Amino acid sequence: MSQPKFYHHGRFTVEGGTLPDAVTAYRTYGDPTNPCIVFPTCYGGRLDGK
């Protein structure tokens, strides 16, 4: 399994307000030369399944 990666969106507007420093944490699975599926977590979720 790959290590978590992070995409920093910066200021991100959502319904009801603005996130000042939004970040999406994700992992990729499969062959690194032919990337695959990205499973982003839900807000406040964890990638380690705990």
PDB file of N, CA and C in Angstrom:
ATOM      1  N   MET A   1       0.847  -1.175   0.000  1.00  0.00           N
ATOM      2  CA  MET A   1       0.000   0.000   0.000  1.00  0.00           C
ATOM      3  C   MET A   1       0.890   1.235   0.000  1.00  0.00           C
ATOM      4  N   SER A   2       0.498   2.246  -0.756  1.00  0.00           N
ATOM      5  CA  SER A   2       1.301   3.464  -0.849  1.00  0.00           C
ATOM      6  C   SER A   2       1.148   4.318   0.402  1.00  0.00           C
ATOM      7  N   GLN A   3       2.081   5.202   0.585  1.00  0.00           N
ATOM      8  CA  GLN A   3       2.010   6.168   1.680  1.00  0.00           C
ATOM      9  C   GLN A   3       0.972   7.225   1.335  1.00  0.00           C
ATOM     10  N   PRO A   4       0.358   7.853   2.337  1.00  0.00           N
ATOM     11  CA  PRO A   4      -0.610   8.913   2.044  1.00  0.00           C
ATOM     12  C   PRO A   4       0.053  10.059   1.287  1.00  0.00           C
ATOM     13  N   LYS A   5      -0.699  10.641   0.377  1.00  0.00           N
ATOM     14  CA  LYS A   5      -0.279  11.836  -0.345  1.00  0.00           C
ATOM     15  C   LYS A   5      -1.291  12.913  -0.024  1.00  0.00           C
ATOM     16  N   PHE A   6      -0.898  14.156  -0.203  1.00  0.00           N
ATOM     17  CA  PHE A   6      -1.772  15.268   0.161  1.00  0.00           C
ATOM     18  C   PHE A   6      -1.832  16.284  -0.968  1.00  0.00           C
ATOM     19  N   TYR A   7      -3.046  16.701  -1.310  1.00  0.00           N
ATOM     20  CA  TYR A   7      -3.228  17.756  -2.291  1.00  0.00           C
ATOM     21  C   TYR A   7      -3.773  18.966  -1.551  1.00  0.00           C
ATOM     22  N   HIS A   8      -3.040  20.062  -1.590  1.00  0.00           N
ATOM     23  CA  HIS A   8      -3.426  21.292  -0.890  1.00  0.00           C
ATOM     24  C   HIS A   8      -4.219  22.186  -1.844  1.00  0.00           C
ATOM     25  N   HIS A   9      -5.504  22.357  -1.549  1.00  0.00           N
ATOM     26  CA  HIS A   9      -6.378  23.174  -2.386  1.00  0.00           C
ATOM     27  C   HIS A   9      -6.254  24.646  -2.051  1.00  0.00           C
ATOM     28  N   GLY A  10      -5.789  24.951  -0.833  1.00  0.00           N
ATOM     29  CA  GLY A  10      -5.790  26.342  -0.387  1.00  0.00           C
ATOM     30  C   GLY A  10      -7.199  26.744   0.018  1.00  0.00           C
ATOM     31  N   ARG A  11      -7.541  27.977  -0.217  1.00  0.00           N
ATOM     32  CA  ARG A  11      -8.870  28.493   0.127  1.00  0.00           C
ATOM     33  C   ARG A  11      -9.906  27.837  -0.782  1.00  0.00           C
ATOM     34  N   PHE A  12     -10.918  27.192  -0.194  1.00  0.00           N
ATOM     35  CA  PHE A  12     -11.867  26.378  -0.963  1.00  0.00           C
ATOM     36  C   PHE A  12     -13.282  26.677  -0.493  1.00  0.00           C
ATOM     37  N   THR A  13     -14.125  27.124  -1.400  1.00  0.00           N
ATOM     38  CA  THR A  13     -15.505  27.479  -1.055  1.00  0.00           C
ATOM     39  C   THR A  13     -16.399  26.244  -1.156  1.00  0.00           C
ATOM     40  N   VAL A  14     -17.179  26.035  -0.106  1.00  0.00           N
ATOM     41  CA  VAL A  14     -18.164  24.950  -0.059  1.00  0.00           C
ATOM     42  C   VAL A  14     -19.500  25.559   0.348  1.00  0.00           C
ATOM     43  N   GLU A  15     -20.561  24.770   0.204  1.00  0.00           N
ATOM     44  CA  GLU A  15     -21.863  25.275   0.610  1.00  0.00           C
ATOM     45  C   GLU A  15     -21.822  25.646   2.087  1.00  0.00           C
ATOM     46  N   GLY A  16     -22.176  26.861   2.386  1.00  0.00           N
ATOM     47  CA  GLY A  16     -22.219  27.298   3.771  1.00  0.00           C
ATOM     48  C   GLY A  16     -20.966  27.997   4.258  1.00  0.00           C
ATOM     49  N   GLY A  17     -19.936  28.133   3.427  1.00  0.00           N
ATOM     50  CA  GLY A  17     -18.745  28.837   3.901  1.00  0.00           C
ATOM     51  C   GLY A  17     -17.510  28.557   3.063  1.00  0.00           C
ATOM     52  N   THR A  18     -16.381  28.868   3.661  1.00  0.00           N
ATOM     53  CA  THR A  18     -15.096  28.690   2.989  1.00  0.00           C
ATOM     54  C   THR A  18     -14.123  27.996   3.920  1.00  0.00           C
ATOM     55  N   LEU A  19     -13.430  26.993   3.394  1.00  0.00           N
ATOM     56  CA  LEU A  19     -12.365  26.328   4.153  1.00  0.00           C
ATOM     57  C   LEU A  19     -11.087  27.123   3.883  1.00  0.00           C
ATOM     58  N   PRO A  20     -10.421  27.616   4.918  1.00  0.00           N
ATOM     59  CA  PRO A  20      -9.258  28.473   4.692  1.00  0.00           C
ATOM     60  C   PRO A  20      -8.037  27.740   4.143  1.00  0.00           C
ATOM     61  N   ASP A  21      -7.908  26.442   4.436  1.00  0.00           N
ATOM     62  CA  ASP A  21      -6.745  25.685   3.974  1.00  0.00           C
ATOM     63  C   ASP A  21      -7.155  24.231   3.737  1.00  0.00           C
ATOM     64  N   ALA A  22      -7.949  24.003   2.695  1.00  0.00           N
ATOM     65  CA  ALA A  22      -8.467  22.664   2.424  1.00  0.00           C
ATOM     66  C   ALA A  22      -7.370  21.739   1.910  1.00  0.00           C
ATOM     67  N   VAL A  23      -7.374  20.502   2.416  1.00  0.00           N
ATOM     68  CA  VAL A  23      -6.394  19.494   2.011  1.00  0.00           C
ATOM     69  C   VAL A  23      -7.135  18.183   1.759  1.00  0.00           C
ATOM     70  N   THR A  24      -6.812  17.511   0.652  1.00  0.00           N
ATOM     71  CA  THR A  24      -7.335  16.183   0.377  1.00  0.00           C
ATOM     72  C   THR A  24      -6.205  15.186   0.584  1.00  0.00           C
ATOM     73  N   ALA A  25      -6.424  14.209   1.467  1.00  0.00           N
ATOM     74  CA  ALA A  25      -5.458  13.133   1.678  1.00  0.00           C
ATOM     75  C   ALA A  25      -5.926  11.942   0.855  1.00  0.00           C
ATOM     76  N   TYR A  26      -4.981  11.259   0.191  1.00  0.00           N
ATOM     77  CA  TYR A  26      -5.358  10.128  -0.649  1.00  0.00           C
ATOM     78  C   TYR A  26      -4.226   9.124  -0.754  1.00  0.00           C
ATOM     79  N   ARG A  27      -4.575   7.939  -1.191  1.00  0.00           N
ATOM     80  CA  ARG A  27      -3.611   6.884  -1.511  1.00  0.00           C
ATOM     81  C   ARG A  27      -3.951   6.365  -2.893  1.00  0.00           C
ATOM     82  N   THR A  28      -2.950   5.920  -3.599  1.00  0.00           N
ATOM     83  CA  THR A  28      -3.188   5.290  -4.887  1.00  0.00           C
ATOM     84  C   THR A  28      -2.875   3.806  -4.759  1.00  0.00           C
ATOM     85  N   TYR A  29      -3.493   2.992  -5.603  1.00  0.00           N
ATOM     86  CA  TYR A  29      -3.326   1.551  -5.561  1.00  0.00           C
ATOM     87  C   TYR A  29      -3.020   1.041  -6.964  1.00  0.00           C
ATOM     88  N   GLY A  30      -2.286  -0.045  -7.040  1.00  0.00           N
ATOM     89  CA  GLY A  30      -2.004  -0.654  -8.324  1.00  0.00           C
ATOM     90  C   GLY A  30      -0.615  -0.336  -8.822  1.00  0.00           C
ATOM     91  N   ASP A  31      -0.409  -0.540 -10.095  1.00  0.00           N
ATOM     92  CA  ASP A  31       0.880  -0.343 -10.759  1.00  0.00           C
ATOM     93  C   ASP A  31       1.209   1.148 -10.843  1.00  0.00           C
ATOM     94  N   PRO A  32       2.326   1.610 -10.242  1.00  0.00           N
ATOM     95  CA  PRO A  32       2.661   3.035 -10.254  1.00  0.00           C
ATOM     96  C   PRO A  32       2.851   3.605 -11.661  1.00  0.00           C
ATOM     97  N   THR A  33       3.200   2.756 -12.648  1.00  0.00           N
ATOM     98  CA  THR A  33       3.390   3.275 -13.999  1.00  0.00           C
ATOM     99  C   THR A  33       2.061   3.429 -14.732  1.00  0.00           C
ATOM    100  N   ASN A  34       0.996   2.850 -14.196  1.00  0.00           N
ATOM    101  CA  ASN A  34      -0.322   2.966 -14.791  1.00  0.00           C
ATOM    102  C   ASN A  34      -1.320   3.227 -13.679  1.00  0.00           C
ATOM    103  N   PRO A  35      -1.334   4.465 -13.146  1.00  0.00           N
ATOM    104  CA  PRO A  35      -2.153   4.715 -11.982  1.00  0.00           C
ATOM    105  C   PRO A  35      -3.604   4.373 -12.192  1.00  0.00           C
ATOM    106  N   CYS A  36      -4.248   4.187 -11.271  1.00  0.00           N
ATOM    107  CA  CYS A  36      -5.394   3.452 -10.879  1.00  0.00           C
ATOM    108  C   CYS A  36      -6.548   4.260 -10.350  1.00  0.00           C
ATOM    109  N   ILE A  37      -6.890   3.944  -9.166  1.00  0.00           N
ATOM    110  CA  ILE A  37      -8.055   4.515  -8.494  1.00  0.00           C
ATOM    111  C   ILE A  37      -7.567   5.321  -7.304  1.00  0.00           C
ATOM    112  N   VAL A  38      -8.190   6.442  -7.082  1.00  0.00           N
ATOM    113  CA  VAL A  38      -7.875   7.267  -5.910  1.00  0.00           C
ATOM    114  C   VAL A  38      -9.082   7.195  -4.983  1.00  0.00           C
ATOM    115  N   PHE A  39      -8.835   6.880  -3.709  1.00  0.00           N
ATOM    116  CA  PHE A  39      -9.894   6.807  -2.716  1.00  0.00           C
ATOM    117  C   PHE A  39      -9.740   7.961  -1.733  1.00  0.00           C
ATOM    118  N   PRO A  40     -10.351   9.121  -1.998  1.00  0.00           N
ATOM    119  CA  PRO A  40     -10.239  10.198  -1.000  1.00  0.00           C
ATOM    120  C   PRO A  40     -11.067   9.841   0.240  1.00  0.00           C
ATOM    121  N   THR A  41     -10.641  10.318   1.375  1.00  0.00           N
ATOM    122  CA  THR A  41     -11.404  10.069   2.599  1.00  0.00           C
ATOM    123  C   THR A  41     -12.507  11.108   2.734  1.00  0.00           C
ATOM    124  N   CYS A  42     -13.428  10.852   3.618  1.00  0.00           N
ATOM    125  CA  CYS A  42     -14.469  11.836   3.906  1.00  0.00           C
ATOM    126  C   CYS A  42     -13.882  12.910   4.821  1.00  0.00           C
ATOM    127  N   TYR A  43     -14.608  13.972   5.004  1.00  0.00           N
ATOM    128  CA  TYR A  43     -14.137  15.047   5.887  1.00  0.00           C
ATOM    129  C   TYR A  43     -13.850  14.472   7.259  1.00  0.00           C
ATOM    130  N   GLY A  44     -12.649  14.650   7.738  1.00  0.00           N
ATOM    131  CA  GLY A  44     -12.278  14.162   9.052  1.00  0.00           C
ATOM    132  C   GLY A  44     -11.954  12.680   9.087  1.00  0.00           C
ATOM    133  N   GLY A  45     -11.994  12.014   7.943  1.00  0.00           N
ATOM    134  CA  GLY A  45     -11.703  10.583   7.890  1.00  0.00           C
ATOM    135  C   GLY A  45     -10.208  10.317   7.990  1.00  0.00           C
ATOM    136  N   ARG A  46      -9.867   9.044   8.074  1.00  0.00           N
ATOM    137  CA  ARG A  46      -8.461   8.642   8.170  1.00  0.00           C
ATOM    138  C   ARG A  46      -8.156   7.635   7.089  1.00  0.00           C
ATOM    139  N   LEU A  47      -6.929   7.651   6.620  1.00  0.00           N
ATOM    140  CA  LEU A  47      -6.505   6.702   5.595  1.00  0.00           C
ATOM    141  C   LEU A  47      -6.066   5.365   6.167  1.00  0.00           C
ATOM    142  N   ASP A  48      -5.775   5.308   7.457  1.00  0.00           N
ATOM    143  CA  ASP A  48      -5.251   4.074   8.036  1.00  0.00           C
ATOM    144  C   ASP A  48      -6.346   3.127   8.532  1.00  0.00           C
ATOM    145  N   GLY A  49      -7.613   3.485   8.364  1.00  0.00           N
ATOM    146  CA  GLY A  49      -8.708   2.608   8.740  1.00  0.00           C
ATOM    147  C   GLY A  49      -8.975   2.519  10.220  1.00  0.00           C
ATOM    148  N   LYS A  50      -8.338   3.339  11.028  1.00  0.00           N
ATOM    149  CA  LYS A  50      -8.552   3.295  12.477  1.00  0.00           C
ATOM    150  C   LYS A  50      -9.593   4.288  12.895  1.00  0.00           C
TER     151      LYS A  50
END
